[in-house]
């Protein structure tokens, strides 16, 4: 084999490794292996698969009209909780980040206490505390309790993302703003935050993915999100494996879609930078 042929084969193999087709084949083989493993396991358990009953819990047609099933209704609730919690989490995270970098000793202590308390206790405990202890005092609904608990929890992690983005801005930007006579508020509004947002947008989107997965815990306080709807269907039909696999697939579809968006954003920001 001459050197030209060797280089051609090496280049072809390199291109093949980078080809999306290889990833598709690997993913297909993985799915086939999982299906085979599940089939063998359930065969030994004597489980009777009834996948044909699952679609009715997603959607159905009645009088030529599309009727949304309980699982998709749960997805709607999950999206509602996630979207509101995400906005509040970003607001709380930004305020906590600014407090941590403040010249005020009290503000720094409050921000530090909030971060240590939230990050060192489980989300489930915070959710129960919010619903069973604070909700009766504040007279708020279980939905508001869930949103507030998720917002505080995710806000603690978003705060570190905001702070890292702000700190990454070159010191010369601050000096230029001060030389122009801008106040601290105007410096953040017009100079620092617009630059920081470009850097922290991908990790913040990744935090949104984490929030979607964490939102499954709201089912513990009887909110009929996707997870709770799945549990209710299983209690009525005993389609344990089929429903849980369907619920997991829906969560996977949502999070993978957001992950693709994150990757696209990172590539575009990298090119623009």
Protein backbone atom coordinates (compact mmCIF):
# COMPACT_ATOMS: atom_id res chain seq x y z
CA UNK A 1 0.00 0.00 0.00
CA UNK A 2 1.54 3.29 -1.09
CA UNK A 3 1.56 6.51 0.92
CA UNK A 4 -1.19 8.13 -1.18
CA UNK A 5 -3.59 5.25 -0.58
CA UNK A 6 -2.76 5.20 3.10
CA UNK A 7 -3.51 8.92 3.44
CA UNK A 8 -6.75 8.49 1.50
CA UNK A 9 -7.94 5.68 3.79
CA UNK A 10 -6.92 7.64 6.88
CA UNK A 11 -8.80 10.72 5.68
CA UNK A 12 -11.87 8.63 4.80
CA UNK A 13 -11.92 7.02 8.24
CA UNK A 14 -11.56 10.43 9.87
CA UNK A 15 -14.49 11.82 7.88
CA UNK A 16 -16.55 8.74 8.70
CA UNK A 17 -15.94 9.23 12.43
CA UNK A 18 -17.21 12.80 12.19
CA UNK A 19 -20.23 11.83 10.13
CA UNK A 20 -23.66 12.16 11.83
CA UNK A 21 -24.53 8.79 10.31
CA UNK A 22 -22.12 7.11 12.73
CA UNK A 23 -23.88 8.74 15.70
CA UNK A 24 -27.25 7.61 14.35
CA UNK A 25 -26.00 4.03 13.98
CA UNK A 26 -24.52 4.05 17.49
CA UNK A 27 -27.75 5.44 18.95
CA UNK A 28 -29.82 2.84 17.06
CA UNK A 29 -27.62 0.02 18.34
CA UNK A 30 -27.95 1.35 21.88
CA UNK A 31 -31.75 1.49 21.60
CA UNK A 32 -31.82 -2.05 20.20
CA UNK A 33 -29.68 -3.28 23.09
CA UNK A 34 -31.95 -1.58 25.64
CA UNK A 35 -35.08 -3.00 24.01
CA UNK A 36 -33.55 -6.48 23.96
CA UNK A 37 -32.55 -6.21 27.61
CA UNK A 38 -36.03 -5.01 28.62
CA UNK A 39 -37.70 -7.75 26.60
CA UNK A 40 -35.61 -10.44 28.27
CA UNK A 41 -36.23 -9.00 31.71
CA UNK A 42 -39.99 -8.65 31.33
CA UNK A 43 -40.19 -12.10 29.75
CA UNK A 44 -38.74 -13.61 32.90
CA UNK A 45 -41.14 -11.53 35.00
CA UNK A 46 -44.06 -12.70 32.91
CA UNK A 47 -45.07 -9.12 32.11
CA UNK A 48 -47.56 -8.60 29.28
CA UNK A 49 -46.75 -5.45 27.27
CA UNK A 50 -49.80 -3.39 26.28
CA UNK A 51 -48.36 -0.49 24.31
CA UNK A 52 -51.54 -0.22 22.23
CA UNK A 53 -53.29 1.31 25.25
CA UNK A 54 -50.79 4.15 25.70
CA UNK A 55 -51.75 6.53 22.80
CA UNK A 56 -55.17 7.26 24.31
CA UNK A 57 -53.44 8.88 27.30
CA UNK A 58 -51.58 11.20 24.94
CA UNK A 59 -54.39 12.22 22.60
CA UNK A 60 -57.55 10.88 21.02
CA UNK A 61 -60.18 11.91 18.51
CA UNK A 62 -63.77 12.52 19.48
CA UNK A 63 -66.33 13.70 16.93
CA UNK A 64 -63.48 14.48 14.51
CA UNK A 65 -61.85 16.76 17.13
CA UNK A 66 -58.49 16.23 18.74
CA UNK A 67 -58.76 15.64 22.49
CA UNK A 68 -55.63 16.12 24.57
CA UNK A 69 -54.94 13.22 26.91
CA UNK A 70 -53.87 13.43 30.56
CA UNK A 71 -50.16 13.03 29.79
CA UNK A 72 -50.11 16.01 27.43
CA UNK A 73 -52.19 17.96 29.96
CA UNK A 74 -49.45 17.17 32.45
CA UNK A 75 -46.86 18.45 29.97
CA UNK A 76 -48.79 21.72 29.78
CA UNK A 77 -48.68 22.08 33.58
CA UNK A 78 -44.97 21.22 33.59
CA UNK A 79 -44.28 23.92 30.99
CA UNK A 80 -46.30 26.45 32.98
CA UNK A 81 -44.43 25.73 36.20
CA UNK A 82 -41.08 25.68 34.44
CA UNK A 83 -41.55 28.92 32.51
CA UNK A 84 -42.72 30.97 35.50
CA UNK A 85 -40.09 29.44 37.80
CA UNK A 86 -37.38 30.12 35.23
CA UNK A 87 -38.18 33.82 35.00
CA UNK A 88 -38.29 34.16 38.78
CA UNK A 89 -35.09 32.11 39.17
CA UNK A 90 -33.21 34.37 36.77
CA UNK A 91 -34.46 37.47 38.59
CA UNK A 92 -33.54 36.04 41.99
CA UNK A 93 -30.19 34.84 40.68
CA UNK A 94 -29.31 38.25 39.26
CA UNK A 95 -30.24 40.05 42.50
CA UNK A 96 -28.26 37.53 44.58
CA UNK A 97 -25.24 37.94 42.29
CA UNK A 98 -25.36 41.73 42.57
CA UNK A 99 -25.74 41.46 46.34
CA UNK A 100 -22.65 39.25 46.55
CA UNK A 101 -20.58 41.84 44.67
CA UNK A 102 -22.08 44.76 46.57
CA UNK A 103 -20.08 47.02 48.85
CA UNK A 104 -22.77 46.56 51.49
CA UNK A 105 -21.81 44.07 54.20
CA UNK A 106 -25.47 43.29 54.94
CA UNK A 107 -26.23 42.56 51.28
CA UNK A 108 -23.25 40.21 51.01
CA UNK A 109 -24.26 38.37 54.19
CA UNK A 110 -27.87 37.97 52.99
CA UNK A 111 -26.74 36.66 49.60
CA UNK A 112 -24.23 34.28 51.15
CA UNK A 113 -26.75 32.96 53.66
CA UNK A 114 -29.32 32.40 50.91
CA UNK A 115 -26.84 30.51 48.72
CA UNK A 116 -25.55 28.30 51.53
CA UNK A 117 -29.04 27.49 52.79
CA UNK A 118 -30.46 26.60 49.37
CA UNK A 119 -27.49 24.73 47.93
CA UNK A 120 -26.92 22.62 51.04
CA UNK A 121 -30.46 21.34 51.52
CA UNK A 122 -32.41 18.98 49.22
CA UNK A 123 -35.01 20.47 46.89
CA UNK A 124 -37.63 18.01 48.16
CA UNK A 125 -37.19 19.27 51.73
CA UNK A 126 -37.46 22.87 50.53
CA UNK A 127 -40.61 22.01 48.60
CA UNK A 128 -42.23 20.39 51.63
CA UNK A 129 -41.20 23.28 53.87
CA UNK A 130 -42.65 25.79 51.44
CA UNK A 131 -45.95 23.91 51.08
CA UNK A 132 -46.57 22.61 54.59
CA UNK A 133 -45.04 25.44 56.64
CA UNK A 134 -44.92 28.71 54.69
CA UNK A 135 -47.94 28.25 52.41
CA UNK A 136 -50.50 28.31 55.28
CA UNK A 137 -48.79 31.39 56.75
CA UNK A 138 -48.58 33.25 53.44
CA UNK A 139 -51.95 31.89 52.27
CA UNK A 140 -50.67 30.75 48.86
CA UNK A 141 -51.74 27.82 46.71
CA UNK A 142 -49.79 24.63 46.11
CA UNK A 143 -48.95 25.84 42.60
CA UNK A 144 -47.48 29.07 43.97
CA UNK A 145 -45.60 27.07 46.60
CA UNK A 146 -44.07 24.82 43.96
CA UNK A 147 -43.08 27.73 41.72
CA UNK A 148 -41.55 29.65 44.63
CA UNK A 149 -39.57 26.63 45.86
CA UNK A 150 -38.24 25.86 42.38
CA UNK A 151 -37.41 29.52 41.77
CA UNK A 152 -35.43 29.86 44.99
CA UNK A 153 -33.60 26.59 44.37
CA UNK A 154 -32.64 27.26 40.75
CA UNK A 155 -31.98 30.93 41.51
CA UNK A 156 -29.12 29.96 43.81
CA UNK A 157 -27.34 28.19 40.95
CA UNK A 158 -28.25 30.87 38.42
CA UNK A 159 -26.67 33.40 40.79
CA UNK A 160 -23.25 31.80 40.39
CA UNK A 161 -23.66 31.84 36.61
CA UNK A 162 -24.53 35.54 36.65
CA UNK A 163 -21.66 36.35 38.98
CA UNK A 164 -19.16 34.42 36.86
CA UNK A 165 -20.34 36.25 33.75
CA UNK A 166 -20.09 39.67 35.38
CA UNK A 167 -16.66 38.98 36.88
CA UNK A 168 -15.39 37.80 33.47
CA UNK A 169 -15.88 41.30 32.00
CA UNK A 170 -12.52 43.05 31.69
CA UNK A 171 -11.76 45.62 34.37
CA UNK A 172 -11.18 48.24 31.69
CA UNK A 173 -14.90 48.25 30.92
CA UNK A 174 -15.64 49.36 34.49
CA UNK A 175 -12.94 52.01 34.39
CA UNK A 176 -14.24 53.35 31.08
CA UNK A 177 -17.78 53.56 32.48
CA UNK A 178 -16.59 55.38 35.60
CA UNK A 179 -14.53 57.79 33.51
CA UNK A 180 -17.71 58.68 31.61
CA UNK A 181 -19.42 59.49 34.89
CA UNK A 182 -21.91 56.60 34.75
CA UNK A 183 -23.50 55.47 38.00
CA UNK A 184 -23.18 51.87 39.17
CA UNK A 185 -26.74 51.14 38.00
CA UNK A 186 -26.10 52.61 34.55
CA UNK A 187 -22.79 50.78 34.31
CA UNK A 188 -24.52 47.47 34.89
CA UNK A 189 -27.45 48.33 32.61
CA UNK A 190 -25.59 49.68 29.60
CA UNK A 191 -22.07 48.28 29.80
CA UNK A 192 -21.63 45.15 31.93
CA UNK A 193 -24.84 43.11 31.69
CA UNK A 194 -25.23 43.34 27.87
CA UNK A 195 -21.73 41.86 27.51
CA UNK A 196 -22.19 39.31 30.29
CA UNK A 197 -25.48 37.99 28.87
CA UNK A 198 -23.72 36.80 25.72
CA UNK A 199 -21.39 34.69 27.84
CA UNK A 200 -23.89 33.29 30.31
CA UNK A 201 -26.78 32.57 27.96
CA UNK A 202 -25.74 28.96 27.17
CA UNK A 203 -25.21 27.93 30.84
CA UNK A 204 -28.47 29.63 31.80
CA UNK A 205 -30.26 27.60 29.14
CA UNK A 206 -28.64 24.47 30.56
CA UNK A 207 -30.01 25.51 33.95
CA UNK A 208 -33.47 25.59 32.36
CA UNK A 209 -33.01 21.95 31.37
CA UNK A 210 -32.17 21.12 34.98
CA UNK A 211 -35.29 22.98 36.09
CA UNK A 212 -37.50 20.86 33.82
CA UNK A 213 -36.16 17.68 35.40
CA UNK A 214 -36.42 19.07 38.94
CA UNK A 215 -40.04 20.10 38.32
CA UNK A 216 -41.02 16.42 38.49
CA UNK A 217 -40.81 16.73 42.30
CA UNK A 218 -43.90 18.95 42.41
CA UNK A 219 -45.95 15.76 42.01
CA UNK A 220 -45.18 15.07 45.68
CA UNK A 221 -47.56 17.87 46.69
CA UNK A 222 -50.35 16.65 44.37
CA UNK A 223 -49.78 18.97 41.43
CA UNK A 224 -50.87 17.19 38.28
CA UNK A 225 -47.81 17.71 36.18
CA UNK A 226 -46.48 15.06 33.79
CA UNK A 227 -45.12 12.84 36.57
CA UNK A 228 -48.28 13.03 38.66
CA UNK A 229 -50.47 12.28 35.65
CA UNK A 230 -48.34 9.23 34.93
CA UNK A 231 -48.73 8.02 38.51
CA UNK A 232 -52.50 8.50 38.37
CA UNK A 233 -52.78 6.53 35.12
CA UNK A 234 -50.66 3.70 36.51
CA UNK A 235 -52.84 3.45 39.62
CA UNK A 236 -55.89 2.98 37.38
CA UNK A 237 -54.47 0.79 34.61
CA UNK A 238 -51.41 -0.95 36.11
CA UNK A 239 -49.48 -0.13 32.92
CA UNK A 240 -46.39 0.49 34.99
CA UNK A 241 -43.61 0.01 32.47
CA UNK A 242 -45.45 1.45 29.47
CA UNK A 243 -46.48 4.68 31.20
CA UNK A 244 -43.18 5.33 32.95
CA UNK A 245 -41.25 4.72 29.75
CA UNK A 246 -43.59 7.09 27.94
CA UNK A 247 -43.17 9.75 30.64
CA UNK A 248 -39.39 9.33 30.53
CA UNK A 249 -39.44 9.61 26.73
CA UNK A 250 -41.40 12.88 26.90
CA UNK A 251 -38.94 14.35 29.39
CA UNK A 252 -36.08 13.13 27.21
CA UNK A 253 -37.61 14.69 24.10
CA UNK A 254 -38.00 18.06 25.84
CA UNK A 255 -34.52 18.14 27.37
CA UNK A 256 -32.76 16.89 24.23
CA UNK A 257 -34.54 19.58 22.18
CA UNK A 258 -33.33 22.24 24.60
CA UNK A 259 -29.83 20.76 24.55
CA UNK A 260 -29.76 21.11 20.77
CA UNK A 261 -30.80 24.75 21.16
CA UNK A 262 -27.98 25.27 23.67
CA UNK A 263 -25.41 23.76 21.30
CA UNK A 264 -26.61 25.97 18.44
CA UNK A 265 -26.41 29.05 20.67
CA UNK A 266 -22.90 28.17 21.82
CA UNK A 267 -21.73 27.67 18.23
CA UNK A 268 -23.19 31.00 17.10
CA UNK A 269 -21.75 32.91 20.05
CA UNK A 270 -18.37 31.27 19.48
CA UNK A 271 -18.38 32.31 15.83
CA UNK A 272 -19.47 35.87 16.65
CA UNK A 273 -16.78 36.14 19.31
